[in-house]
Protein backbone atom coordinates (compact mmCIF):
# COMPACT_ATOMS: atom_id res chain seq x y z
CA UNK A 1 70.79 121.50 95.06
CA UNK A 2 72.33 122.65 98.36
CA UNK A 3 75.99 123.70 98.50
CA UNK A 4 76.50 123.59 94.74
CA UNK A 5 78.90 126.31 93.64
CA UNK A 6 77.73 128.84 91.01
CA UNK A 7 77.83 127.63 87.43
CA UNK A 8 80.77 128.99 85.42
CA UNK A 9 82.26 127.57 82.28
CA UNK A 10 85.91 128.60 82.00
CA UNK A 11 88.33 126.98 79.63
CA UNK A 12 90.40 124.92 80.03
CA UNK A 13 88.94 122.67 82.74
CA UNK A 14 88.67 124.35 86.13
CA UNK A 15 90.25 122.05 88.73
CA UNK A 16 88.33 122.90 91.87
CA UNK A 17 90.04 120.14 93.85
CA UNK A 18 93.07 122.46 93.94
CA UNK A 19 91.38 125.76 94.76
CA UNK A 20 88.73 124.24 97.05
CA UNK A 21 89.86 120.74 98.15
CA UNK A 22 86.98 120.46 100.63
CA UNK A 23 84.29 121.23 98.04
CA UNK A 24 82.15 118.12 97.80
CA UNK A 25 80.10 118.97 94.71
CA UNK A 26 79.73 121.43 91.85
CA UNK A 27 77.66 122.06 88.74
CA UNK A 28 79.39 121.25 85.45
CA UNK A 29 78.80 120.90 81.73
CA UNK A 30 79.78 117.85 79.68
CA UNK A 31 82.35 118.76 77.02
CA UNK A 32 83.27 115.33 75.57
CA UNK A 33 81.91 111.78 75.72
CA UNK A 34 83.85 108.71 74.57
CA UNK A 35 82.29 105.23 74.57
CA UNK A 36 84.75 102.50 75.58
CA UNK A 37 83.82 100.02 72.88
CA UNK A 38 85.60 96.69 73.24
CA UNK A 39 86.49 97.32 76.87
CA UNK A 40 86.24 94.17 78.99
CA UNK A 41 87.74 95.36 82.26
CA UNK A 42 85.31 98.20 82.91
CA UNK A 43 82.01 96.76 81.79
CA UNK A 44 79.06 96.83 84.14
CA UNK A 45 77.10 93.70 84.96
CA UNK A 46 74.38 94.75 82.52
CA UNK A 47 76.83 94.41 79.64
CA UNK A 48 76.93 98.14 78.87
CA UNK A 49 80.41 99.61 78.44
CA UNK A 50 81.64 102.41 80.67
CA UNK A 51 82.04 105.81 79.03
CA UNK A 52 84.71 108.46 79.48
CA UNK A 53 83.39 111.94 80.19
CA UNK A 54 85.24 115.24 80.16
CA UNK A 55 83.59 118.19 81.92
CA UNK A 56 84.36 121.91 81.92
CA UNK A 57 85.02 121.99 85.67
CA UNK A 58 85.49 119.31 88.28
CA UNK A 59 85.94 118.47 91.95
CA UNK A 60 87.13 114.96 91.01
CA UNK A 61 90.87 114.34 91.46
CA UNK A 62 92.35 111.92 88.87
CA UNK A 63 94.50 108.95 89.87
CA UNK A 64 98.10 110.15 90.06
CA UNK A 65 101.22 109.76 92.16
CA UNK A 66 99.90 106.77 94.08
CA UNK A 67 96.66 108.51 95.07
CA UNK A 68 93.51 106.78 93.73
CA UNK A 69 91.10 108.65 91.50
CA UNK A 70 87.89 110.02 92.96
CA UNK A 71 84.50 108.40 92.56
CA UNK A 72 80.93 109.53 93.10
CA UNK A 73 78.15 110.71 90.75
CA UNK A 74 77.67 112.83 87.66
CA UNK A 75 73.97 113.57 87.95
CA UNK A 76 72.26 110.15 87.77
CA UNK A 77 75.39 108.42 86.50
CA UNK A 78 77.82 106.57 88.78
CA UNK A 79 81.46 107.66 88.47
CA UNK A 80 83.59 104.60 89.26
CA UNK A 81 87.01 106.16 88.71
CA UNK A 82 88.78 109.33 87.59
CA UNK A 83 91.80 109.26 85.30
CA UNK A 84 94.24 111.87 84.08
CA UNK A 85 94.54 112.55 80.37
CA UNK A 86 97.84 113.74 78.80
CA UNK A 87 96.81 117.39 79.27
CA UNK A 88 96.27 116.84 83.00
CA UNK A 89 92.46 117.09 82.87
CA UNK A 90 90.24 114.76 84.89
CA UNK A 91 88.44 112.12 82.84
CA UNK A 92 85.42 110.61 84.57
CA UNK A 93 84.85 106.87 84.09
CA UNK A 94 81.05 106.73 84.08
CA UNK A 95 79.05 103.54 84.52
CA UNK A 96 75.79 103.42 82.58
CA UNK A 97 73.03 101.83 84.65
CA UNK A 98 70.13 99.70 83.49
CA UNK A 99 67.64 101.83 81.57
CA UNK A 100 69.95 104.86 81.40
CA UNK A 101 70.74 106.60 78.14
CA UNK A 102 74.25 107.80 77.40
CA UNK A 103 75.31 111.23 78.69
CA UNK A 104 75.53 113.84 75.95
CA UNK A 105 77.76 116.82 75.24
CA UNK A 106 76.20 120.00 76.56
CA UNK A 107 74.35 118.41 79.48
CA UNK A 108 74.55 120.44 82.69
CA UNK A 109 74.70 118.12 85.69
CA UNK A 110 75.88 118.18 89.31
CA UNK A 111 79.14 116.43 90.18
CA UNK A 112 78.98 114.87 93.66
CA UNK A 113 82.01 113.31 95.33
CA UNK A 114 82.11 110.13 97.37
CA UNK A 115 83.49 112.30 100.14
CA UNK A 116 84.40 109.50 102.54
CA UNK A 117 86.59 107.94 99.84
CA UNK A 118 88.22 111.26 98.91
CA UNK A 119 88.84 112.43 102.48
CA UNK A 120 90.41 109.10 103.43
CA UNK A 121 93.07 109.50 100.74
CA UNK A 122 93.56 113.22 101.42
CA UNK A 123 94.52 112.31 104.99
CA UNK A 124 96.60 109.32 103.89
CA UNK A 125 98.48 111.37 101.30
CA UNK A 126 99.24 114.05 103.90
CA UNK A 127 100.43 111.34 106.31
CA UNK A 128 102.77 110.03 103.62
CA UNK A 129 104.35 113.49 103.17
CA UNK A 130 104.72 113.83 106.94
CA UNK A 131 106.30 110.39 107.40
CA UNK A 132 108.60 110.58 104.38
CA UNK A 133 109.70 114.09 105.35
CA UNK A 134 110.42 113.11 108.94
CA UNK A 135 112.30 109.96 107.94
CA UNK A 136 114.50 112.12 105.73
CA UNK A 137 115.16 114.94 108.23
CA UNK A 138 115.47 112.74 111.33
CA UNK A 139 117.33 109.72 109.95
CA UNK A 140 118.48 110.56 106.42
CA UNK A 141 116.19 107.86 104.98
CA UNK A 142 114.88 108.58 101.48
CA UNK A 143 111.58 107.46 99.97
CA UNK A 144 111.75 105.32 96.82
CA UNK A 145 108.07 104.57 96.21
CA UNK A 146 104.69 105.00 97.89
CA UNK A 147 101.25 103.44 97.54
CA UNK A 148 97.97 104.62 99.04
CA UNK A 149 95.95 101.44 99.41
CA UNK A 150 92.55 100.48 100.72
CA UNK A 151 93.98 99.16 103.99
CA UNK A 152 97.55 100.45 104.22
CA UNK A 153 99.83 103.30 103.31
CA UNK A 154 103.12 101.77 102.15
CA UNK A 155 106.42 103.60 101.90
CA UNK A 156 109.40 101.91 100.28
CA UNK A 157 112.68 103.42 101.47
CA UNK A 158 116.27 103.47 100.24
CA UNK A 159 117.51 101.15 103.00
CA UNK A 160 117.73 97.38 103.07
CA UNK A 161 116.62 97.44 106.68
CA UNK A 162 115.15 99.97 109.10
CA UNK A 163 115.81 99.30 112.78
CA UNK A 164 112.72 98.89 114.99
CA UNK A 165 114.02 101.65 117.25
CA UNK A 166 114.04 104.03 114.27
CA UNK A 167 110.43 103.15 113.42
CA UNK A 168 109.40 103.64 117.07
CA UNK A 169 111.05 107.07 117.18
CA UNK A 170 109.45 108.03 113.87
CA UNK A 171 105.94 107.04 115.00
CA UNK A 172 106.29 108.85 118.32
CA UNK A 173 107.48 112.06 116.62
CA UNK A 174 104.83 111.79 113.87
CA UNK A 175 101.97 111.53 116.34
CA UNK A 176 103.33 114.59 118.14
CA UNK A 177 103.17 116.47 114.83
CA UNK A 178 99.58 115.28 114.40
CA UNK A 179 98.68 116.50 117.89
CA UNK A 180 100.36 119.88 117.27
CA UNK A 181 98.21 120.51 114.19
CA UNK A 182 100.75 121.80 111.67
CA UNK A 183 99.17 123.67 108.74
CA UNK A 184 99.38 122.30 105.20
CA UNK A 185 100.13 125.08 102.69
CA UNK A 186 100.51 125.36 98.91
CA UNK A 187 102.92 127.52 96.93
CA UNK A 188 103.04 128.02 93.16
CA UNK A 189 106.49 128.99 91.88
CA UNK A 190 108.84 128.70 88.95
CA UNK A 191 110.91 125.59 88.46
CA UNK A 192 114.12 127.52 89.08
CA UNK A 193 112.83 128.99 92.37
CA UNK A 194 111.67 125.55 93.53
CA UNK A 195 115.13 124.12 92.84
CA UNK A 196 116.62 126.49 95.42
CA UNK A 197 114.48 125.09 98.26
CA UNK A 198 116.63 121.98 98.77
CA UNK A 199 113.71 119.57 98.55
CA UNK A 200 114.20 115.97 99.67
CA UNK A 201 113.14 114.70 96.22
CA UNK A 202 114.04 115.95 92.75
CA UNK A 203 111.35 117.80 90.78
CA UNK A 204 109.99 115.60 87.99
CA UNK A 205 107.85 118.13 86.08
CA UNK A 206 108.74 120.99 83.76
CA UNK A 207 107.49 124.55 84.07
CA UNK A 208 105.86 126.03 87.16
CA UNK A 209 105.82 123.87 90.28
CA UNK A 210 103.25 123.32 93.01
CA UNK A 211 104.95 122.97 96.39
CA UNK A 212 103.09 121.32 99.25
CA UNK A 213 104.39 122.38 102.66
CA UNK A 214 103.63 120.93 106.08
CA UNK A 215 104.79 123.82 108.26
CA UNK A 216 108.00 122.95 110.06
CA UNK A 217 107.94 119.36 108.81
CA UNK A 218 108.24 118.91 105.04
CA UNK A 219 108.21 120.62 101.64
CA UNK A 220 107.92 118.79 98.35
CA UNK A 221 106.64 119.24 94.81
CA UNK A 222 103.29 117.45 94.57
CA UNK A 223 100.11 117.60 92.51
CA UNK A 224 97.90 115.72 95.00
CA UNK A 225 95.17 116.85 97.38
CA UNK A 226 95.71 117.01 101.12
CA UNK A 227 94.01 117.90 104.38
CA UNK A 228 94.46 121.39 105.82
CA UNK A 229 96.18 120.35 109.05
CA UNK A 230 98.12 117.38 110.37
CA UNK A 231 95.53 117.09 113.15
CA UNK A 232 93.13 115.64 110.56
CA UNK A 233 95.42 112.61 110.15
CA UNK A 234 94.29 111.62 113.67
CA UNK A 235 96.70 108.74 114.25
CA UNK A 236 99.50 106.87 112.52
CA UNK A 237 101.49 103.75 113.33
CA UNK A 238 103.52 101.06 111.57
CA UNK A 239 101.98 97.58 111.48
CA UNK A 240 104.57 95.55 109.53
CA UNK A 241 107.51 95.67 107.13
CA UNK A 242 109.08 93.52 104.42
CA UNK A 243 112.14 93.49 102.20
CA UNK A 244 111.52 94.03 98.48
CA UNK A 245 113.99 94.70 95.64
CA UNK A 246 116.72 95.40 98.18
CA UNK A 247 114.60 98.02 99.95
CA UNK A 248 112.54 98.02 103.12
CA UNK A 249 108.80 98.53 102.64
CA UNK A 250 106.94 99.89 105.66
CA UNK A 251 103.18 99.44 106.12
CA UNK A 252 101.30 102.16 108.01
CA UNK A 253 97.79 102.60 109.31
CA UNK A 254 96.65 106.18 109.38
CA UNK A 255 93.56 108.32 109.70
CA UNK A 256 90.22 106.74 110.54
CA UNK A 257 91.63 103.36 109.45
CA UNK A 258 94.25 103.62 112.18
CA UNK A 259 91.70 104.60 114.82
CA UNK A 260 89.35 101.74 113.91
CA UNK A 261 92.23 99.25 113.74
CA UNK A 262 93.57 100.38 117.12
CA UNK A 263 90.16 100.13 118.77
CA UNK A 264 89.69 96.66 117.27
CA UNK A 265 93.10 95.59 118.56
CA UNK A 266 92.30 96.85 122.07
CA UNK A 267 88.95 95.04 122.02
CA UNK A 268 90.64 91.81 120.89
CA UNK A 269 93.27 92.10 123.62
CA UNK A 270 90.61 92.66 126.29
CA UNK A 271 88.61 89.67 125.04
CA UNK A 272 91.70 87.43 125.18
CA UNK A 273 92.51 88.72 128.67
CA UNK A 274 89.05 87.65 129.83
CA UNK A 275 89.42 84.21 128.24
CA UNK A 276 92.84 83.70 129.83
CA UNK A 277 91.74 85.27 133.14
CA UNK A 278 94.83 87.45 133.17
CA UNK A 279 95.76 91.15 132.81
CA UNK A 280 96.08 92.40 129.23
CA UNK A 281 99.83 92.77 129.77
CA UNK A 282 100.13 88.98 130.23
CA UNK A 283 98.14 87.96 127.14
CA UNK A 284 101.22 87.61 124.92
CA UNK A 285 103.02 85.32 127.37
CA UNK A 286 99.87 83.18 127.63
CA UNK A 287 99.69 82.91 123.83
CA UNK A 288 103.40 82.01 123.69
CA UNK A 289 102.84 79.24 126.27
CA UNK A 290 99.91 77.85 124.29
CA UNK A 291 101.95 77.98 121.08
CA UNK A 292 104.82 76.10 122.74
CA UNK A 293 102.38 73.47 124.02
CA UNK A 294 100.86 73.15 120.55
CA UNK A 295 104.29 72.68 118.95
CA UNK A 296 105.13 70.00 121.52
CA UNK A 297 101.85 68.21 120.77
CA UNK A 298 102.48 68.37 117.01
CA UNK A 299 106.00 66.98 117.49
CA UNK A 300 104.66 64.14 119.66
CA UNK A 301 101.90 63.39 117.13
CA UNK A 302 104.42 63.26 114.28
CA UNK A 303 106.64 60.88 116.22
CA UNK A 304 103.65 58.65 116.97
CA UNK A 305 102.60 58.72 113.30
CA UNK A 306 106.14 57.74 112.31
CA UNK A 307 106.05 54.79 114.73
CA UNK A 308 102.64 53.66 113.43
CA UNK A 309 103.86 53.94 109.83
CA UNK A 310 106.90 51.86 110.77
CA UNK A 311 104.72 49.13 112.28
CA UNK A 312 102.48 49.13 109.19
CA UNK A 313 105.50 48.83 106.91
CA UNK A 314 106.95 45.91 108.85
CA UNK A 315 103.58 44.11 108.74
CA UNK A 316 103.14 44.72 105.00
CA UNK A 317 106.58 44.42 103.46
CA UNK A 318 107.59 41.21 101.69
CA UNK A 319 110.99 40.90 100.05
CA UNK A 320 111.34 44.67 100.42
CA UNK A 321 108.06 45.40 98.56
CA UNK A 322 104.91 46.87 100.10
CA UNK A 323 101.79 48.29 98.40
CA UNK A 324 98.61 49.15 100.31
CA UNK A 325 95.87 51.70 101.10
CA UNK A 326 96.15 53.53 104.43
CA UNK A 327 93.48 56.00 105.52
CA UNK A 328 94.60 56.76 109.09
CA UNK A 329 98.30 57.67 108.77
CA UNK A 330 99.74 60.71 106.98
CA UNK A 331 101.74 60.08 103.82
CA UNK A 332 104.64 62.08 105.26
CA UNK A 333 104.93 59.60 108.15
CA UNK A 334 105.71 56.79 105.69
CA UNK A 335 108.49 58.92 104.20
CA UNK A 336 110.00 59.24 107.70
CA UNK A 337 109.52 55.53 108.47
CA UNK A 338 111.13 54.51 105.17
CA UNK A 339 114.41 56.04 106.37
CA UNK A 340 114.72 53.11 108.75
CA UNK A 341 114.72 50.56 105.91
CA UNK A 342 117.67 49.89 103.62
CA UNK A 343 115.90 48.23 100.67
CA UNK A 344 112.35 49.26 99.93
CA UNK A 345 109.85 49.54 97.08
CA UNK A 346 106.81 51.16 98.69
CA UNK A 347 103.53 52.37 97.21
CA UNK A 348 100.89 53.88 99.54
CA UNK A 349 97.54 55.40 98.57
CA UNK A 350 95.69 57.54 101.11
CA UNK A 351 92.08 58.73 100.55
CA UNK A 352 91.85 62.48 101.16
CA UNK A 353 88.46 64.25 100.82
CA UNK A 354 87.65 64.42 97.10
CA UNK A 355 90.94 62.93 95.90
CA UNK A 356 93.59 60.30 96.73
CA UNK A 357 97.22 60.93 97.63
CA UNK A 358 99.91 58.51 96.50
CA UNK A 359 103.49 57.90 97.60
CA UNK A 360 106.20 55.78 95.98
CA UNK A 361 109.58 55.17 97.64
CA UNK A 362 112.35 53.36 95.75
CA UNK A 363 115.59 52.90 97.71
CA UNK A 364 118.48 50.51 98.16
CA UNK A 365 118.48 47.81 95.53
CA UNK A 366 115.06 49.06 94.38
CA UNK A 367 116.62 52.42 93.59
CA UNK A 368 117.48 50.92 90.20
CA UNK A 369 113.80 50.86 89.24
CA UNK A 370 113.07 53.54 86.64
CA UNK A 371 110.36 55.76 88.09
CA UNK A 372 109.68 57.31 84.69
CA UNK A 373 108.74 53.86 83.43
CA UNK A 374 106.36 53.47 86.37
CA UNK A 375 104.93 56.91 85.69
CA UNK A 376 104.14 55.92 82.11
CA UNK A 377 102.75 52.47 82.83
CA UNK A 378 101.04 52.80 86.22
CA UNK A 379 99.94 56.37 87.01
CA UNK A 380 97.41 56.54 84.13
CA UNK A 381 95.54 53.62 85.75
CA UNK A 382 94.18 55.99 88.41
CA UNK A 383 94.65 59.25 86.49
CA UNK A 384 97.43 60.20 88.89
CA UNK A 385 99.77 63.16 88.59
CA UNK A 386 102.97 64.06 90.39
CA UNK A 387 106.65 63.34 90.55
CA UNK A 388 109.63 64.00 92.77
CA UNK A 389 113.25 63.18 93.23
CA UNK A 390 114.69 59.77 94.10
CA UNK A 391 114.03 58.02 96.33
CA UNK A 392 110.67 59.73 97.09
CA UNK A 393 107.92 60.41 94.55
CA UNK A 394 104.39 61.57 95.32
CA UNK A 395 101.32 63.24 93.96
CA UNK A 396 97.54 63.03 93.81
CA UNK A 397 94.73 61.37 91.89
CA UNK A 398 91.07 62.19 91.40
CA UNK A 399 90.30 58.46 91.44
CA UNK A 400 88.30 57.23 94.44
CA UNK A 401 87.32 53.87 92.95
CA UNK A 402 88.54 51.14 95.33
CA UNK A 403 88.75 48.53 92.56
CA UNK A 404 90.92 50.73 90.33
CA UNK A 405 93.17 51.67 93.25
CA UNK A 406 93.54 47.99 94.23
CA UNK A 407 94.53 47.20 90.65
CA UNK A 408 97.07 50.03 90.68
CA UNK A 409 98.69 48.71 93.88
CA UNK A 410 98.72 45.13 92.60
CA UNK A 411 100.34 46.24 89.33
CA UNK A 412 102.99 48.19 91.27
CA UNK A 413 103.97 45.05 93.18
CA UNK A 414 104.11 42.96 90.01
CA UNK A 415 106.06 45.54 87.95
CA UNK A 416 108.61 46.21 90.70
CA UNK A 417 108.91 42.49 91.51
CA UNK A 418 109.58 41.67 87.86
CA UNK A 419 112.74 43.76 87.75
CA UNK A 420 115.95 41.79 87.86
CA UNK A 421 117.52 43.28 90.95
């Protein structure tokens, strides 16, 4: 096989992802195989359990520190994940395909990375170091937690809020660092020597420490894999933020994801500009105008629905009691219309796709009616569920039978009318 490194079998496991992070494949020998009997989360569609495989050497980085584990192939076997065992070795999660026998100890097979997956997270992890380091040095903002996701890099910081101007300055400076192509270096040193470097984050491991340095930008203890230069990050920008646990969480696009997202955004903006027959710079104001017009139309529609519901109530109510089916007016409109009436016992059923919606309003002198009694005696008639707080109660029913619904409404009128009010 082309580009496979020479076969050597050192002990313990040789972690080639550290010494040669751009190596995409290597020969290896299987040292241990463990069948995941009883596993339900990792079973393949063919019902065969995944197996855990330990090899003598590997290019597969295990999930750690927010960076996902590598995937790819061990010979003919698909590797769906890579985990870290207590000793720090990479454990391959191997999926056994239809017709495949189990891998065996002593087999010599090629390990081949899903390089696109690995490289994406190498760039994202490097971007996280760059952004966290720059937030700390430029603004004194510390990083609390990070996550390297399929769509976003998230960084949770030690602030309740980060001003938009700070984010803008950070992104501008970060993209300059990308353009300048700062080297990413690694240093192995003792724990005591590492403590003298004044790192932005405390060292969490014992013994010797691996320091990852982005020249002139950041230094931190880290066991992950990274690209060789910031230029490989390509592009980074912040797309949104949210408050969580008293901290601000920032969402970033970076690497090829950022490039593709940016190109898609530009294409969308150009398409909207054509539809609106305006320059791209005016698209947002056009959208705002349409949104305002839509809100005005919704408000007018709601007012009209309230008026229609009021007319229907006045036509239907007798001695303060009304019970009917209405298919052309929203339930919420009857709630609004009921505010105009002092004494009311109302029950409305509205057909809605594969179910029926119901509304009961009990107010004024009818507020003395016990809804819980109605719930027990009436709702089972149409298998209805729901509740609420006086004077408005509502819910849904799977019943679509017109006869049963008519009986429900008739019983409501009789039960409410029988109360001594």
